[in-house]
PDB file of N, CA and C in Angstrom:
ATOM      1  N   MET A   1      13.610 -12.023 -30.013  1.00  0.00           N
ATOM      2  CA  MET A   1      13.251 -13.506 -29.486  1.00  0.00           C
ATOM      3  C   MET A   1      14.401 -13.779 -27.756  1.00  0.00           C
ATOM      4  N   SER A   2      13.613 -13.387 -27.083  1.00  0.00           N
ATOM      5  CA  SER A   2      14.232 -14.125 -25.860  1.00  0.00           C
ATOM      6  C   SER A   2      14.885 -15.163 -25.466  1.00  0.00           C
ATOM      7  N   ARG A   3      16.119 -15.575 -24.254  1.00  0.00           N
ATOM      8  CA  ARG A   3      16.552 -16.270 -24.552  1.00  0.00           C
ATOM      9  C   ARG A   3      15.916 -17.694 -23.776  1.00  0.00           C
ATOM     10  N   THR A   4      14.352 -17.312 -23.126  1.00  0.00           N
ATOM     11  CA  THR A   4      13.625 -18.040 -22.419  1.00  0.00           C
ATOM     12  C   THR A   4      12.955 -18.274 -23.871  1.00  0.00           C
ATOM     13  N   ALA A   5      12.612 -18.496 -24.898  1.00  0.00           N
ATOM     14  CA  ALA A   5      11.794 -18.373 -25.618  1.00  0.00           C
ATOM     15  C   ALA A   5      11.540 -19.770 -26.276  1.00  0.00           C
ATOM     16  N   PRO A   6      12.589 -20.188 -26.847  1.00  0.00           N
ATOM     17  CA  PRO A   6      12.777 -22.116 -27.231  1.00  0.00           C
ATOM     18  C   PRO A   6      12.014 -22.892 -26.077  1.00  0.00           C
ATOM     19  N   SER A   7      12.604 -22.644 -24.504  1.00  0.00           N
ATOM     20  CA  SER A   7      12.440 -23.473 -23.763  1.00  0.00           C
ATOM     21  C   SER A   7      10.923 -23.041 -23.319  1.00  0.00           C
ATOM     22  N   LEU A   8      10.411 -22.265 -23.552  1.00  0.00           N
ATOM     23  CA  LEU A   8       8.546 -22.035 -23.380  1.00  0.00           C
ATOM     24  C   LEU A   8       7.961 -22.600 -24.302  1.00  0.00           C
ATOM     25  N   ALA A   9       8.255 -22.801 -25.634  1.00  0.00           N
ATOM     26  CA  ALA A   9       7.829 -23.176 -26.756  1.00  0.00           C
ATOM     27  C   ALA A   9       7.845 -25.043 -26.446  1.00  0.00           C
ATOM     28  N   ARG A  10       8.973 -25.237 -25.957  1.00  0.00           N
ATOM     29  CA  ARG A  10       9.094 -26.501 -25.604  1.00  0.00           C
ATOM     30  C   ARG A  10       7.875 -27.505 -24.577  1.00  0.00           C
ATOM     31  N   ILE A  11       8.044 -25.744 -23.730  1.00  0.00           N
ATOM     32  CA  ILE A  11       7.137 -26.216 -22.351  1.00  0.00           C
ATOM     33  C   ILE A  11       5.816 -26.889 -23.162  1.00  0.00           C
ATOM     34  N   ASP A  12       5.453 -26.096 -23.624  1.00  0.00           N
ATOM     35  CA  ASP A  12       4.044 -25.510 -24.346  1.00  0.00           C
ATOM     36  C   ASP A  12       3.312 -26.917 -24.784  1.00  0.00           C
ATOM     37  N   THR A  13       4.511 -27.688 -26.118  1.00  0.00           N
ATOM     38  CA  THR A  13       4.162 -28.590 -26.613  1.00  0.00           C
ATOM     39  C   THR A  13       4.323 -30.005 -25.175  1.00  0.00           C
ATOM     40  N   LEU A  14       5.074 -29.538 -24.425  1.00  0.00           N
ATOM     41  CA  LEU A  14       4.751 -30.476 -23.013  1.00  0.00           C
ATOM     42  C   LEU A  14       3.596 -30.640 -22.564  1.00  0.00           C
ATOM     43  N   LEU A  15       3.136 -29.453 -22.425  1.00  0.00           N
ATOM     44  CA  LEU A  15       1.897 -29.184 -21.704  1.00  0.00           C
ATOM     45  C   LEU A  15       0.658 -29.801 -22.645  1.00  0.00           C
ATOM     46  N   ALA A  16       0.799 -29.172 -23.924  1.00  0.00           N
ATOM     47  CA  ALA A  16      -0.374 -30.119 -25.144  1.00  0.00           C
ATOM     48  C   ALA A  16      -0.252 -31.418 -24.478  1.00  0.00           C
ATOM     49  N   GLU A  17       1.038 -31.888 -25.400  1.00  0.00           N
ATOM     50  CA  GLU A  17       0.640 -33.875 -24.915  1.00  0.00           C
ATOM     51  C   GLU A  17       0.087 -33.948 -23.417  1.00  0.00           C
ATOM     52  N   LEU A  18      -0.122 -33.552 -22.282  1.00  0.00           N
ATOM     53  CA  LEU A  18      -0.346 -33.734 -21.132  1.00  0.00           C
ATOM     54  C   LEU A  18      -1.848 -33.246 -21.156  1.00  0.00           C
ATOM     55  N   ARG A  19      -2.029 -32.092 -21.563  1.00  0.00           N
ATOM     56  CA  ARG A  19      -3.466 -31.825 -21.252  1.00  0.00           C
ATOM     57  C   ARG A  19      -4.503 -32.580 -22.519  1.00  0.00           C
ATOM     58  N   GLY A  20      -3.504 -33.709 -23.723  1.00  0.00           N
ATOM     59  CA  GLY A  20      -4.015 -34.569 -24.373  1.00  0.00           C
ATOM     60  C   GLY A  20      -4.350 -36.014 -23.645  1.00  0.00           C
ATOM     61  N   GLY A  21      -4.189 -36.263 -22.738  1.00  0.00           N
ATOM     62  CA  GLY A  21      -4.078 -37.461 -21.683  1.00  0.00           C
ATOM     63  C   GLY A  21      -4.866 -37.843 -21.207  1.00  0.00           C
ATOM     64  N   VAL A  22      -5.494 -38.529 -20.522  1.00  0.00           N
ATOM     65  CA  VAL A  22      -6.934 -39.239 -19.633  1.00  0.00           C
ATOM     66  C   VAL A  22      -6.759 -38.531 -18.482  1.00  0.00           C
ATOM     67  N   HIS A  23      -8.046 -37.947 -18.117  1.00  0.00           N
ATOM     68  CA  HIS A  23      -8.073 -37.038 -17.344  1.00  0.00           C
ATOM     69  C   HIS A  23      -7.830 -37.872 -15.926  1.00  0.00           C
ATOM     70  N   GLY A  24      -7.337 -36.650 -14.691  1.00  0.00           N
ATOM     71  CA  GLY A  24      -6.846 -37.650 -13.400  1.00  0.00           C
ATOM     72  C   GLY A  24      -5.789 -38.205 -12.781  1.00  0.00           C
ATOM     73  N   GLY A  25      -5.436 -38.525 -11.686  1.00  0.00           N
ATOM     74  CA  GLY A  25      -3.923 -38.407 -10.902  1.00  0.00           C
ATOM     75  C   GLY A  25      -2.915 -38.440 -11.057  1.00  0.00           C
ATOM     76  N   PRO A  26      -2.150 -38.739 -11.985  1.00  0.00           N
ATOM     77  CA  PRO A  26      -1.041 -38.712 -12.162  1.00  0.00           C
ATOM     78  C   PRO A  26      -1.061 -37.352 -13.434  1.00  0.00           C
ATOM     79  N   ARG A  27      -1.453 -37.586 -14.194  1.00  0.00           N
ATOM     80  CA  ARG A  27      -1.507 -36.659 -15.048  1.00  0.00           C
ATOM     81  C   ARG A  27      -2.304 -35.271 -14.551  1.00  0.00           C
ATOM     82  N   ASP A  28      -2.799 -35.400 -13.829  1.00  0.00           N
ATOM     83  CA  ASP A  28      -3.033 -33.569 -13.699  1.00  0.00           C
ATOM     84  C   ASP A  28      -2.178 -33.347 -12.321  1.00  0.00           C
ATOM     85  N   GLN A  29      -1.659 -34.220 -12.052  1.00  0.00           N
ATOM     86  CA  GLN A  29      -0.130 -33.740 -11.051  1.00  0.00           C
ATOM     87  C   GLN A  29       0.968 -33.234 -11.705  1.00  0.00           C
ATOM     88  N   MET A  30       1.015 -34.268 -13.109  1.00  0.00           N
ATOM     89  CA  MET A  30       2.048 -33.572 -13.911  1.00  0.00           C
ATOM     90  C   MET A  30       1.935 -32.561 -14.692  1.00  0.00           C
ATOM     91  N   LEU A  31       0.623 -32.150 -15.197  1.00  0.00           N
ATOM     92  CA  LEU A  31      -0.037 -31.206 -15.550  1.00  0.00           C
ATOM     93  C   LEU A  31       0.224 -29.494 -14.912  1.00  0.00           C
ATOM     94  N   GLU A  32      -0.261 -30.047 -13.243  1.00  0.00           N
ATOM     95  CA  GLU A  32       0.144 -28.907 -12.483  1.00  0.00           C
ATOM     96  C   GLU A  32       1.102 -28.541 -12.483  1.00  0.00           C
ATOM     97  N   GLU A  33       2.151 -29.541 -12.342  1.00  0.00           N
ATOM     98  CA  GLU A  33       3.945 -28.962 -11.845  1.00  0.00           C
ATOM     99  C   GLU A  33       4.303 -28.870 -13.462  1.00  0.00           C
ATOM    100  N   ALA A  34       3.740 -28.820 -14.276  1.00  0.00           N
ATOM    101  CA  ALA A  34       4.419 -28.726 -15.620  1.00  0.00           C
ATOM    102  C   ALA A  34       4.111 -27.107 -16.042  1.00  0.00           C
ATOM    103  N   GLU A  35       2.835 -26.703 -16.097  1.00  0.00           N
ATOM    104  CA  GLU A  35       2.450 -25.203 -15.412  1.00  0.00           C
ATOM    105  C   GLU A  35       3.520 -24.698 -15.009  1.00  0.00           C
ATOM    106  N   ALA A  36       3.746 -24.948 -13.873  1.00  0.00           N
ATOM    107  CA  ALA A  36       4.828 -24.305 -12.569  1.00  0.00           C
ATOM    108  C   ALA A  36       5.609 -23.618 -13.036  1.00  0.00           C
ATOM    109  N   LEU A  37       6.141 -24.947 -14.206  1.00  0.00           N
ATOM    110  CA  LEU A  37       7.658 -25.381 -14.523  1.00  0.00           C
ATOM    111  C   LEU A  37       7.707 -23.823 -15.310  1.00  0.00           C
ATOM    112  N   ARG A  38       6.486 -23.994 -16.528  1.00  0.00           N
ATOM    113  CA  ARG A  38       6.147 -22.918 -16.786  1.00  0.00           C
ATOM    114  C   ARG A  38       6.421 -21.229 -16.745  1.00  0.00           C
ATOM    115  N   ARG A  39       5.942 -21.243 -15.306  1.00  0.00           N
ATOM    116  CA  ARG A  39       5.516 -19.950 -14.584  1.00  0.00           C
ATOM    117  C   ARG A  39       7.317 -19.722 -14.290  1.00  0.00           C
ATOM    118  N   ALA A  40       8.187 -20.336 -13.943  1.00  0.00           N
ATOM    119  CA  ALA A  40       9.349 -20.533 -13.488  1.00  0.00           C
ATOM    120  C   ALA A  40      10.701 -19.868 -14.745  1.00  0.00           C
ATOM    121  N   VAL A  41      10.215 -20.435 -15.234  1.00  0.00           N
ATOM    122  CA  VAL A  41      11.200 -19.849 -16.933  1.00  0.00           C
ATOM    123  C   VAL A  41      11.011 -18.750 -17.247  1.00  0.00           C
ATOM    124  N   ALA A  42       9.190 -18.796 -16.703  1.00  0.00           N
ATOM    125  CA  ALA A  42       8.976 -17.210 -17.576  1.00  0.00           C
ATOM    126  C   ALA A  42       9.450 -16.134 -16.933  1.00  0.00           C
ATOM    127  N   ALA A  43       9.907 -16.723 -15.037  1.00  0.00           N
ATOM    128  CA  ALA A  43      10.045 -15.227 -14.292  1.00  0.00           C
ATOM    129  C   ALA A  43      11.452 -15.821 -14.194  1.00  0.00           C
ATOM    130  N   PHE A  44      12.639 -16.087 -14.786  1.00  0.00           N
ATOM    131  CA  PHE A  44      13.683 -16.746 -14.855  1.00  0.00           C
ATOM    132  C   PHE A  44      14.064 -16.909 -13.145  1.00  0.00           C
ATOM    133  N   HIS A  45      13.310 -17.812 -12.813  1.00  0.00           N
ATOM    134  CA  HIS A  45      13.409 -17.862 -11.249  1.00  0.00           C
ATOM    135  C   HIS A  45      14.013 -19.677 -11.039  1.00  0.00           C
ATOM    136  N   MET A  46      15.453 -19.232 -11.065  1.00  0.00           N
ATOM    137  CA  MET A  46      16.463 -19.994 -11.342  1.00  0.00           C
ATOM    138  C   MET A  46      15.966 -21.422 -10.087  1.00  0.00           C
ATOM    139  N   GLU A  47      15.866 -21.104  -9.026  1.00  0.00           N
ATOM    140  CA  GLU A  47      15.546 -22.345  -7.872  1.00  0.00           C
ATOM    141  C   GLU A  47      14.576 -23.037  -8.064  1.00  0.00           C
ATOM    142  N   ALA A  48      13.516 -22.137  -8.895  1.00  0.00           N
ATOM    143  CA  ALA A  48      12.142 -22.523  -9.046  1.00  0.00           C
ATOM    144  C   ALA A  48      12.150 -23.896 -10.024  1.00  0.00           C
ATOM    145  N   ILE A  49      12.806 -23.133 -10.698  1.00  0.00           N
ATOM    146  CA  ILE A  49      12.860 -24.408 -12.033  1.00  0.00           C
ATOM    147  C   ILE A  49      13.419 -25.570 -12.250  1.00  0.00           C
ATOM    148  N   ARG A  50      15.334 -25.634 -10.970  1.00  0.00           N
ATOM    149  CA  ARG A  50      15.461 -26.675 -10.674  1.00  0.00           C
ATOM    150  C   ARG A  50      14.829 -27.802  -9.739  1.00  0.00           C
ATOM    151  N   PHE A  51      13.391 -27.365  -9.140  1.00  0.00           N
ATOM    152  CA  PHE A  51      13.143 -27.439  -8.317  1.00  0.00           C
ATOM    153  C   PHE A  51      11.431 -28.589  -8.988  1.00  0.00           C
ATOM    154  N   ARG A  52      10.985 -27.857 -10.378  1.00  0.00           N
ATOM    155  CA  ARG A  52       9.706 -28.189 -10.968  1.00  0.00           C
ATOM    156  C   ARG A  52      10.195 -29.064 -11.664  1.00  0.00           C
ATOM    157  N   MET A  53      11.525 -29.210 -12.686  1.00  0.00           N
ATOM    158  CA  MET A  53      12.399 -29.360 -13.182  1.00  0.00           C
ATOM    159  C   MET A  53      12.367 -31.397 -12.959  1.00  0.00           C
ATOM    160  N   TYR A  54      13.097 -30.948 -11.408  1.00  0.00           N
ATOM    161  CA  TYR A  54      13.103 -32.588 -10.592  1.00  0.00           C
ATOM    162  C   TYR A  54      11.390 -33.339 -10.124  1.00  0.00           C
ATOM    163  N   SER A  55      10.758 -32.189 -10.203  1.00  0.00           N
ATOM    164  CA  SER A  55       9.212 -32.681  -9.687  1.00  0.00           C
ATOM    165  C   SER A  55       8.630 -33.472 -10.876  1.00  0.00           C
ATOM    166  N   VAL A  56       8.611 -32.512 -12.065  1.00  0.00           N
ATOM    167  CA  VAL A  56       8.110 -33.058 -13.887  1.00  0.00           C
ATOM    168  C   VAL A  56       8.804 -34.334 -13.940  1.00  0.00           C
ATOM    169  N   GLU A  57      10.079 -34.407 -13.559  1.00  0.00           N
ATOM    170  CA  GLU A  57      11.170 -35.955 -13.959  1.00  0.00           C
ATOM    171  C   GLU A  57      10.611 -36.850 -13.115  1.00  0.00           C
ATOM    172  N   ARG A  58      10.753 -36.408 -11.891  1.00  0.00           N
ATOM    173  CA  ARG A  58       9.796 -37.482 -10.880  1.00  0.00           C
ATOM    174  C   ARG A  58       8.560 -38.456 -10.942  1.00  0.00           C
ATOM    175  N   LEU A  59       7.575 -37.518 -11.877  1.00  0.00           N
ATOM    176  CA  LEU A  59       6.139 -37.531 -11.859  1.00  0.00           C
ATOM    177  C   LEU A  59       6.558 -38.519 -13.316  1.00  0.00           C
ATOM    178  N   LEU A  60       6.886 -37.739 -14.038  1.00  0.00           N
ATOM    179  CA  LEU A  60       7.341 -38.748 -15.663  1.00  0.00           C
ATOM    180  C   LEU A  60       7.868 -40.270 -15.567  1.00  0.00           C
ATOM    181  N   LYS A  61       8.397 -40.565 -14.639  1.00  0.00           N
ATOM    182  CA  LYS A  61       9.664 -41.858 -14.301  1.00  0.00           C
ATOM    183  C   LYS A  61       8.311 -42.877 -14.311  1.00  0.00           C
ATOM    184  N   GLY A  62       7.014 -42.877 -13.608  1.00  0.00           N
ATOM    185  CA  GLY A  62       5.678 -43.596 -13.373  1.00  0.00           C
ATOM    186  C   GLY A  62       5.518 -43.899 -15.292  1.00  0.00           C
ATOM    187  N   SER A  63       5.663 -43.076 -15.617  1.00  0.00           N
ATOM    188  CA  SER A  63       4.731 -42.638 -17.272  1.00  0.00           C
ATOM    189  C   SER A  63       5.101 -43.809 -18.365  1.00  0.00           C
ATOM    190  N   PRO A  64       4.039 -44.677 -18.613  1.00  0.00           N
ATOM    191  CA  PRO A  64       4.366 -45.035 -20.004  1.00  0.00           C
ATOM    192  C   PRO A  64       4.810 -44.860 -20.959  1.00  0.00           C
ATOM    193  N   ASN A  65       4.449 -43.468 -21.255  1.00  0.00           N
ATOM    194  CA  ASN A  65       4.174 -42.645 -22.594  1.00  0.00           C
ATOM    195  C   ASN A  65       5.442 -42.112 -22.895  1.00  0.00           C
ATOM    196  N   PRO A  66       5.987 -42.526 -23.988  1.00  0.00           N
ATOM    197  CA  PRO A  66       7.867 -42.017 -24.404  1.00  0.00           C
ATOM    198  C   PRO A  66       7.899 -41.212 -24.643  1.00  0.00           C
ATOM    199  N   ASP A  67       6.467 -40.249 -25.140  1.00  0.00           N
ATOM    200  CA  ASP A  67       5.680 -38.933 -26.151  1.00  0.00           C
ATOM    201  C   ASP A  67       6.673 -37.830 -25.152  1.00  0.00           C
ATOM    202  N   LEU A  68       5.928 -37.844 -23.455  1.00  0.00           N
ATOM    203  CA  LEU A  68       5.697 -37.132 -22.648  1.00  0.00           C
ATOM    204  C   LEU A  68       7.546 -37.026 -22.111  1.00  0.00           C
ATOM    205  N   GLN A  69       8.414 -38.620 -22.311  1.00  0.00           N
ATOM    206  CA  GLN A  69       9.945 -38.327 -21.971  1.00  0.00           C
ATOM    207  C   GLN A  69      10.401 -38.161 -22.689  1.00  0.00           C
ATOM    208  N   HIS A  70      10.071 -37.840 -24.130  1.00  0.00           N
ATOM    209  CA  HIS A  70      11.204 -36.996 -25.164  1.00  0.00           C
ATOM    210  C   HIS A  70      10.711 -35.626 -24.867  1.00  0.00           C
ATOM    211  N   ALA A  71       9.313 -35.522 -24.658  1.00  0.00           N
ATOM    212  CA  ALA A  71       9.037 -33.851 -24.777  1.00  0.00           C
ATOM    213  C   ALA A  71       9.627 -33.345 -23.415  1.00  0.00           C
ATOM    214  N   PHE A  72      10.022 -33.593 -22.507  1.00  0.00           N
ATOM    215  CA  PHE A  72      10.428 -33.661 -21.042  1.00  0.00           C
ATOM    216  C   PHE A  72      12.019 -33.423 -21.704  1.00  0.00           C
ATOM    217  N   GLU A  73      12.806 -34.049 -22.209  1.00  0.00           N
ATOM    218  CA  GLU A  73      14.018 -33.970 -22.413  1.00  0.00           C
ATOM    219  C   GLU A  73      14.490 -32.838 -23.290  1.00  0.00           C
ATOM    220  N   GLN A  74      13.453 -32.369 -24.300  1.00  0.00           N
ATOM    221  CA  GLN A  74      13.598 -31.149 -25.015  1.00  0.00           C
ATOM    222  C   GLN A  74      13.635 -29.876 -24.551  1.00  0.00           C
ATOM    223  N   VAL A  75      12.956 -30.007 -23.277  1.00  0.00           N
ATOM    224  CA  VAL A  75      12.413 -29.324 -22.527  1.00  0.00           C
ATOM    225  C   VAL A  75      13.751 -28.723 -21.888  1.00  0.00           C
ATOM    226  N   ARG A  76      14.254 -30.116 -20.956  1.00  0.00           N
ATOM    227  CA  ARG A  76      16.027 -30.095 -20.390  1.00  0.00           C
ATOM    228  C   ARG A  76      16.825 -29.267 -21.266  1.00  0.00           C
ATOM    229  N   THR A  77      16.833 -29.851 -22.559  1.00  0.00           N
ATOM    230  CA  THR A  77      18.155 -29.547 -23.698  1.00  0.00           C
ATOM    231  C   THR A  77      17.653 -28.018 -23.861  1.00  0.00           C
ATOM    232  N   GLU A  78      16.567 -27.502 -24.502  1.00  0.00           N
ATOM    233  CA  GLU A  78      16.551 -25.980 -24.336  1.00  0.00           C
ATOM    234  C   GLU A  78      16.799 -24.880 -23.202  1.00  0.00           C
ATOM    235  N   LEU A  79      16.649 -26.119 -22.179  1.00  0.00           N
ATOM    236  CA  LEU A  79      17.025 -25.110 -20.760  1.00  0.00           C
ATOM    237  C   LEU A  79      18.248 -24.682 -20.920  1.00  0.00           C
ATOM    238  N   GLU A  80      19.021 -25.700 -21.074  1.00  0.00           N
ATOM    239  CA  GLU A  80      20.405 -26.049 -20.332  1.00  0.00           C
ATOM    240  C   GLU A  80      21.668 -25.020 -21.867  1.00  0.00           C
ATOM    241  N   ALA A  81      20.546 -25.305 -23.048  1.00  0.00           N
ATOM    242  CA  ALA A  81      21.707 -24.500 -23.908  1.00  0.00           C
ATOM    243  C   ALA A  81      21.270 -22.712 -23.777  1.00  0.00           C
ATOM    244  N   ALA A  82      20.064 -22.626 -23.041  1.00  0.00           N
ATOM    245  CA  ALA A  82      19.793 -21.375 -23.011  1.00  0.00           C
ATOM    246  C   ALA A  82      20.669 -20.784 -21.060  1.00  0.00           C
ATOM    247  N   GLY A  83      21.686 -21.804 -20.551  1.00  0.00           N
ATOM    248  CA  GLY A  83      21.995 -21.584 -19.615  1.00  0.00           C
ATOM    249  C   GLY A  83      21.866 -22.027 -18.208  1.00  0.00           C
ATOM    250  N   PHE A  84      20.567 -22.449 -18.148  1.00  0.00           N
ATOM    251  CA  PHE A  84      19.701 -22.518 -16.944  1.00  0.00           C
ATOM    252  C   PHE A  84      20.319 -23.906 -16.758  1.00  0.00           C
ATOM    253  N   HIS A  85      20.102 -24.134 -14.944  1.00  0.00           N
ATOM    254  CA  HIS A  85      20.513 -25.894 -14.488  1.00  0.00           C
ATOM    255  C   HIS A  85      19.583 -26.174 -14.255  1.00  0.00           C
ATOM    256  N   THR A  86      19.614 -27.278 -14.924  1.00  0.00           N
ATOM    257  CA  THR A  86      17.739 -28.271 -14.562  1.00  0.00           C
ATOM    258  C   THR A  86      18.281 -29.228 -13.574  1.00  0.00           C
ATOM    259  N   ARG A  87      19.374 -29.239 -12.750  1.00  0.00           N
ATOM    260  CA  ARG A  87      19.515 -30.181 -11.828  1.00  0.00           C
ATOM    261  C   ARG A  87      19.993 -29.415 -10.956  1.00  0.00           C
ATOM    262  N   SER A  88      19.769 -30.651  -9.582  1.00  0.00           N
ATOM    263  CA  SER A  88      20.556 -30.276  -8.177  1.00  0.00           C
ATOM    264  C   SER A  88      21.426 -30.257  -7.553  1.00  0.00           C
ATOM    265  N   HIS A  89      22.522 -31.086  -8.774  1.00  0.00           N
ATOM    266  CA  HIS A  89      23.669 -31.757  -8.116  1.00  0.00           C
ATOM    267  C   HIS A  89      24.405 -31.590  -9.749  1.00  0.00           C
ATOM    268  N   ALA A  90      25.809 -31.931  -9.921  1.00  0.00           N
ATOM    269  CA  ALA A  90      26.314 -32.293 -10.927  1.00  0.00           C
ATOM    270  C   ALA A  90      26.113 -33.760 -11.662  1.00  0.00           C
ATOM    271  N   ALA A  91      26.109 -33.506 -12.900  1.00  0.00           N
ATOM    272  CA  ALA A  91      26.177 -34.696 -13.480  1.00  0.00           C
ATOM    273  C   ALA A  91      27.045 -36.134 -12.706  1.00  0.00           C
ATOM    274  N   PRO A  92      27.709 -36.837 -12.836  1.00  0.00           N
ATOM    275  CA  PRO A  92      28.342 -38.017 -12.688  1.00  0.00           C
ATOM    276  C   PRO A  92      30.020 -37.978 -13.365  1.00  0.00           C
ATOM    277  N   ASN A  93      30.165 -37.443 -14.493  1.00  0.00           N
ATOM    278  CA  ASN A  93      31.293 -36.834 -15.459  1.00  0.00           C
ATOM    279  C   ASN A  93      31.162 -36.213 -15.608  1.00  0.00           C
ATOM    280  N   ALA A  94      30.688 -35.014 -14.965  1.00  0.00           N
ATOM    281  CA  ALA A  94      30.702 -33.089 -14.966  1.00  0.00           C
ATOM    282  C   ALA A  94      31.649 -33.142 -14.607  1.00  0.00           C
ATOM    283  N   PRO A  95      32.597 -32.045 -15.553  1.00  0.00           N
ATOM    284  CA  PRO A  95      33.558 -31.014 -14.938  1.00  0.00           C
ATOM    285  C   PRO A  95      33.299 -30.788 -14.026  1.00  0.00           C
ATOM    286  N   ASN A  96      34.539 -30.707 -13.119  1.00  0.00           N
ATOM    287  CA  ASN A  96      34.197 -30.124 -11.390  1.00  0.00           C
ATOM    288  C   ASN A  96      33.533 -30.752 -10.977  1.00  0.00           C
ATOM    289  N   ALA A  97      32.798 -31.831 -11.077  1.00  0.00           N
ATOM    290  CA  ALA A  97      32.122 -32.423 -10.309  1.00  0.00           C
ATOM    291  C   ALA A  97      32.879 -32.984  -9.052  1.00  0.00           C
ATOM    292  N   PRO A  98      32.735 -33.625  -8.019  1.00  0.00           N
ATOM    293  CA  PRO A  98      32.837 -33.938  -6.865  1.00  0.00           C
ATOM    294  C   PRO A  98      33.376 -35.457  -6.836  1.00  0.00           C
ATOM    295  N   SER A  99      34.924 -36.108  -6.661  1.00  0.00           N
ATOM    296  CA  SER A  99      35.009 -37.171  -7.238  1.00  0.00           C
ATOM    297  C   SER A  99      34.987 -38.250  -5.427  1.00  0.00           C
TER     298      SER A  99
END
């Protein structure tokens, strides 16, 4: 099993949730970004992973669906466990974060 396999499985879960939603508008844009995220993870493209995570997260902030939010957080957890950086900056209380 590759180190990205668990992350890709979580992204597939997120994609299934998105595909089950109402077509049009924000759902289509979220689906497009999540599919691009999957391609970035499969290609080990670090900068694209951070960019697509940001894009999907930004779009999900407007979603009232808690299942989508949860699926996205599971994707983040798996990616970070595999050693990928999913944020463009250090978390506020992270080690080595600027003061």
